[in-house]
Amino acid sequence: MEETTCTCCHKTKERSQEEYKSLQNRLNRIEGQVRGIRNMLEKDAYCPDILVQVAAAGAALNSFSKELLANHIRTCVANDIRSGKDETIDELVATIQKLMR
């Protein structure tokens, strides 16, 4: 779980197979929910029924974000703070502020 920086200034993160699989499974379910919403729209489903599914997809995306953020804090942020890279705290605060919009 090492964070590296390439010459183009984009950070990357090596994820454990378990973390990757968990996040991928969540995205697959979300993708299925969105396809289901499209299908409901194509079949002229009742608006409130579609809206309930949209809310469920939104909640699933929020859960994905929470899991990803928790993993980020436990790995990247913790490692950077231990290494004395306090600027990571500012990056984390900015990220959380964006998520709370």
C-alpha atoms as a PDB file:
ATOM      1  CA  MET A   1       0.000   0.000   0.000  1.00  0.00           C
ATOM      2  CA  GLU A   2       2.588   2.452  -1.121  1.00  0.00           C
ATOM      3  CA  GLU A   3       1.798   5.833  -2.576  1.00  0.00           C
ATOM      4  CA  THR A   4       4.020   6.994  -5.396  1.00  0.00           C
ATOM      5  CA  THR A   5       4.270  10.121  -7.464  1.00  0.00           C
ATOM      6  CA  CYS A   6       5.051  10.037 -11.177  1.00  0.00           C
ATOM      7  CA  THR A   7       6.852  12.761 -13.086  1.00  0.00           C
ATOM      8  CA  CYS A   8       3.555  14.283 -14.214  1.00  0.00           C
ATOM      9  CA  CYS A   9       2.624  15.095 -10.583  1.00  0.00           C
ATOM     10  CA  HIS A  10      -0.305  12.655 -10.358  1.00  0.00           C
ATOM     11  CA  LYS A  11      -0.376  10.483  -7.274  1.00  0.00           C
ATOM     12  CA  THR A  12      -1.271   6.829  -7.459  1.00  0.00           C
ATOM     13  CA  LYS A  13      -1.996   4.210  -4.818  1.00  0.00           C
ATOM     14  CA  GLU A  14      -1.312   0.525  -4.823  1.00  0.00           C
ATOM     15  CA  ARG A  15      -4.354  -1.177  -3.315  1.00  0.00           C
ATOM     16  CA  SER A  16      -4.460  -4.570  -1.706  1.00  0.00           C
ATOM     17  CA  GLN A  17      -6.361  -7.193  -3.666  1.00  0.00           C
ATOM     18  CA  GLU A  18      -9.009  -7.230  -0.916  1.00  0.00           C
ATOM     19  CA  GLU A  19      -9.505  -3.444  -1.042  1.00  0.00           C
ATOM     20  CA  TYR A  20      -9.619  -3.430  -4.837  1.00  0.00           C
ATOM     21  CA  LYS A  21     -12.141  -6.275  -4.957  1.00  0.00           C
ATOM     22  CA  SER A  22     -14.401  -4.657  -2.350  1.00  0.00           C
ATOM     23  CA  LEU A  23     -14.443  -1.316  -4.169  1.00  0.00           C
ATOM     24  CA  GLN A  24     -14.900  -2.994  -7.549  1.00  0.00           C
ATOM     25  CA  ASN A  25     -17.863  -5.009  -6.226  1.00  0.00           C
ATOM     26  CA  ARG A  26     -19.513  -1.841  -4.922  1.00  0.00           C
ATOM     27  CA  LEU A  27     -19.037  -0.117  -8.294  1.00  0.00           C
ATOM     28  CA  ASN A  28     -20.458  -3.124 -10.124  1.00  0.00           C
ATOM     29  CA  ARG A  29     -23.592  -2.995  -7.955  1.00  0.00           C
ATOM     30  CA  ILE A  30     -23.923   0.764  -8.520  1.00  0.00           C
ATOM     31  CA  GLU A  31     -23.523   0.271 -12.251  1.00  0.00           C
ATOM     32  CA  GLY A  32     -26.311  -2.320 -12.145  1.00  0.00           C
ATOM     33  CA  GLN A  33     -28.530   0.085 -10.209  1.00  0.00           C
ATOM     34  CA  VAL A  34     -27.979   2.820 -12.800  1.00  0.00           C
ATOM     35  CA  ARG A  35     -28.767   0.405 -15.636  1.00  0.00           C
ATOM     36  CA  GLY A  36     -31.937  -0.545 -13.752  1.00  0.00           C
ATOM     37  CA  ILE A  37     -32.923   3.125 -13.500  1.00  0.00           C
ATOM     38  CA  ARG A  38     -32.384   3.560 -17.242  1.00  0.00           C
ATOM     39  CA  ASN A  39     -34.522   0.480 -17.852  1.00  0.00           C
ATOM     40  CA  MET A  40     -37.284   1.856 -15.616  1.00  0.00           C
ATOM     41  CA  LEU A  41     -37.215   5.122 -17.582  1.00  0.00           C
ATOM     42  CA  GLU A  42     -37.384   3.264 -20.902  1.00  0.00           C
ATOM     43  CA  LYS A  43     -40.397   1.302 -19.617  1.00  0.00           C
ATOM     44  CA  ASP A  44     -42.173   4.488 -18.498  1.00  0.00           C
ATOM     45  CA  ALA A  45     -42.064   3.549 -14.811  1.00  0.00           C
ATOM     46  CA  TYR A  46     -43.869   5.770 -12.337  1.00  0.00           C
ATOM     47  CA  CYS A  47     -41.734   8.773 -11.302  1.00  0.00           C
ATOM     48  CA  PRO A  48     -41.689   8.080  -7.541  1.00  0.00           C
ATOM     49  CA  ASP A  49     -40.541   4.507  -8.209  1.00  0.00           C
ATOM     50  CA  ILE A  50     -37.623   5.803 -10.285  1.00  0.00           C
ATOM     51  CA  LEU A  51     -36.790   8.419  -7.658  1.00  0.00           C
ATOM     52  CA  VAL A  52     -36.566   5.746  -4.951  1.00  0.00           C
ATOM     53  CA  GLN A  53     -34.057   3.856  -7.088  1.00  0.00           C
ATOM     54  CA  VAL A  54     -32.087   7.051  -7.774  1.00  0.00           C
ATOM     55  CA  ALA A  55     -31.904   7.655  -4.009  1.00  0.00           C
ATOM     56  CA  ALA A  56     -30.671   4.086  -3.502  1.00  0.00           C
ATOM     57  CA  ALA A  57     -27.964   4.559  -6.146  1.00  0.00           C
ATOM     58  CA  GLY A  58     -26.935   7.831  -4.500  1.00  0.00           C
ATOM     59  CA  ALA A  59     -26.697   6.116  -1.120  1.00  0.00           C
ATOM     60  CA  ALA A  60     -24.582   3.366  -2.681  1.00  0.00           C
ATOM     61  CA  LEU A  61     -22.207   5.966  -4.144  1.00  0.00           C
ATOM     62  CA  ASN A  62     -21.973   7.630  -0.732  1.00  0.00           C
ATOM     63  CA  SER A  63     -21.094   4.265   0.827  1.00  0.00           C
ATOM     64  CA  PHE A  64     -18.413   3.754  -1.826  1.00  0.00           C
ATOM     65  CA  SER A  65     -16.985   7.199  -1.026  1.00  0.00           C
ATOM     66  CA  LYS A  66     -16.964   6.476   2.719  1.00  0.00           C
ATOM     67  CA  GLU A  67     -15.112   3.202   2.219  1.00  0.00           C
ATOM     68  CA  LEU A  68     -12.593   4.795  -0.135  1.00  0.00           C
ATOM     69  CA  LEU A  69     -12.040   7.744   2.227  1.00  0.00           C
ATOM     70  CA  ALA A  70     -11.578   5.457   5.234  1.00  0.00           C
ATOM     71  CA  ASN A  71      -9.019   3.375   3.334  1.00  0.00           C
ATOM     72  CA  HIS A  72      -7.249   6.562   2.238  1.00  0.00           C
ATOM     73  CA  ILE A  73      -7.018   7.857   5.808  1.00  0.00           C
ATOM     74  CA  ARG A  74      -5.803   4.508   7.166  1.00  0.00           C
ATOM     75  CA  THR A  75      -3.097   4.136   4.527  1.00  0.00           C
ATOM     76  CA  CYS A  76      -1.984   7.197   2.581  1.00  0.00           C
ATOM     77  CA  VAL A  77      -2.775   9.860   5.175  1.00  0.00           C
ATOM     78  CA  ALA A  78      -1.421   7.860   8.121  1.00  0.00           C
ATOM     79  CA  ASN A  79       1.781   6.990   6.246  1.00  0.00           C
ATOM     80  CA  ASP A  80       2.338  10.588   5.138  1.00  0.00           C
ATOM     81  CA  ILE A  81       1.801  11.962   8.642  1.00  0.00           C
ATOM     82  CA  ARG A  82       4.228   9.388  10.058  1.00  0.00           C
ATOM     83  CA  SER A  83       6.720  10.522   7.392  1.00  0.00           C
ATOM     84  CA  GLY A  84       6.306  14.160   8.393  1.00  0.00           C
ATOM     85  CA  LYS A  85       4.287  15.193   5.325  1.00  0.00           C
ATOM     86  CA  ASP A  86       1.834  17.423   7.171  1.00  0.00           C
ATOM     87  CA  GLU A  87       0.565  18.956   3.903  1.00  0.00           C
ATOM     88  CA  THR A  88      -1.442  15.759   3.528  1.00  0.00           C
ATOM     89  CA  ILE A  89      -3.722  17.033   6.297  1.00  0.00           C
ATOM     90  CA  ASP A  90      -4.585  20.092   4.191  1.00  0.00           C
ATOM     91  CA  GLU A  91      -5.261  17.831   1.215  1.00  0.00           C
ATOM     92  CA  LEU A  92      -7.533  15.648   3.363  1.00  0.00           C
ATOM     93  CA  VAL A  93      -9.444  18.671   4.682  1.00  0.00           C
ATOM     94  CA  ALA A  94      -9.932  19.968   1.112  1.00  0.00           C
ATOM     95  CA  THR A  95     -11.143  16.536  -0.004  1.00  0.00           C
ATOM     96  CA  ILE A  96     -13.643  16.289   2.845  1.00  0.00           C
ATOM     97  CA  GLN A  97     -14.906  19.804   2.099  1.00  0.00           C
ATOM     98  CA  LYS A  98     -15.505  18.808  -1.539  1.00  0.00           C
ATOM     99  CA  LEU A  99     -17.369  15.688  -0.434  1.00  0.00           C
ATOM    100  CA  MET A 100     -19.650  17.708   1.826  1.00  0.00           C
ATOM    101  CA  ARG A 101     -20.888  20.088  -0.891  1.00  0.00           C
END
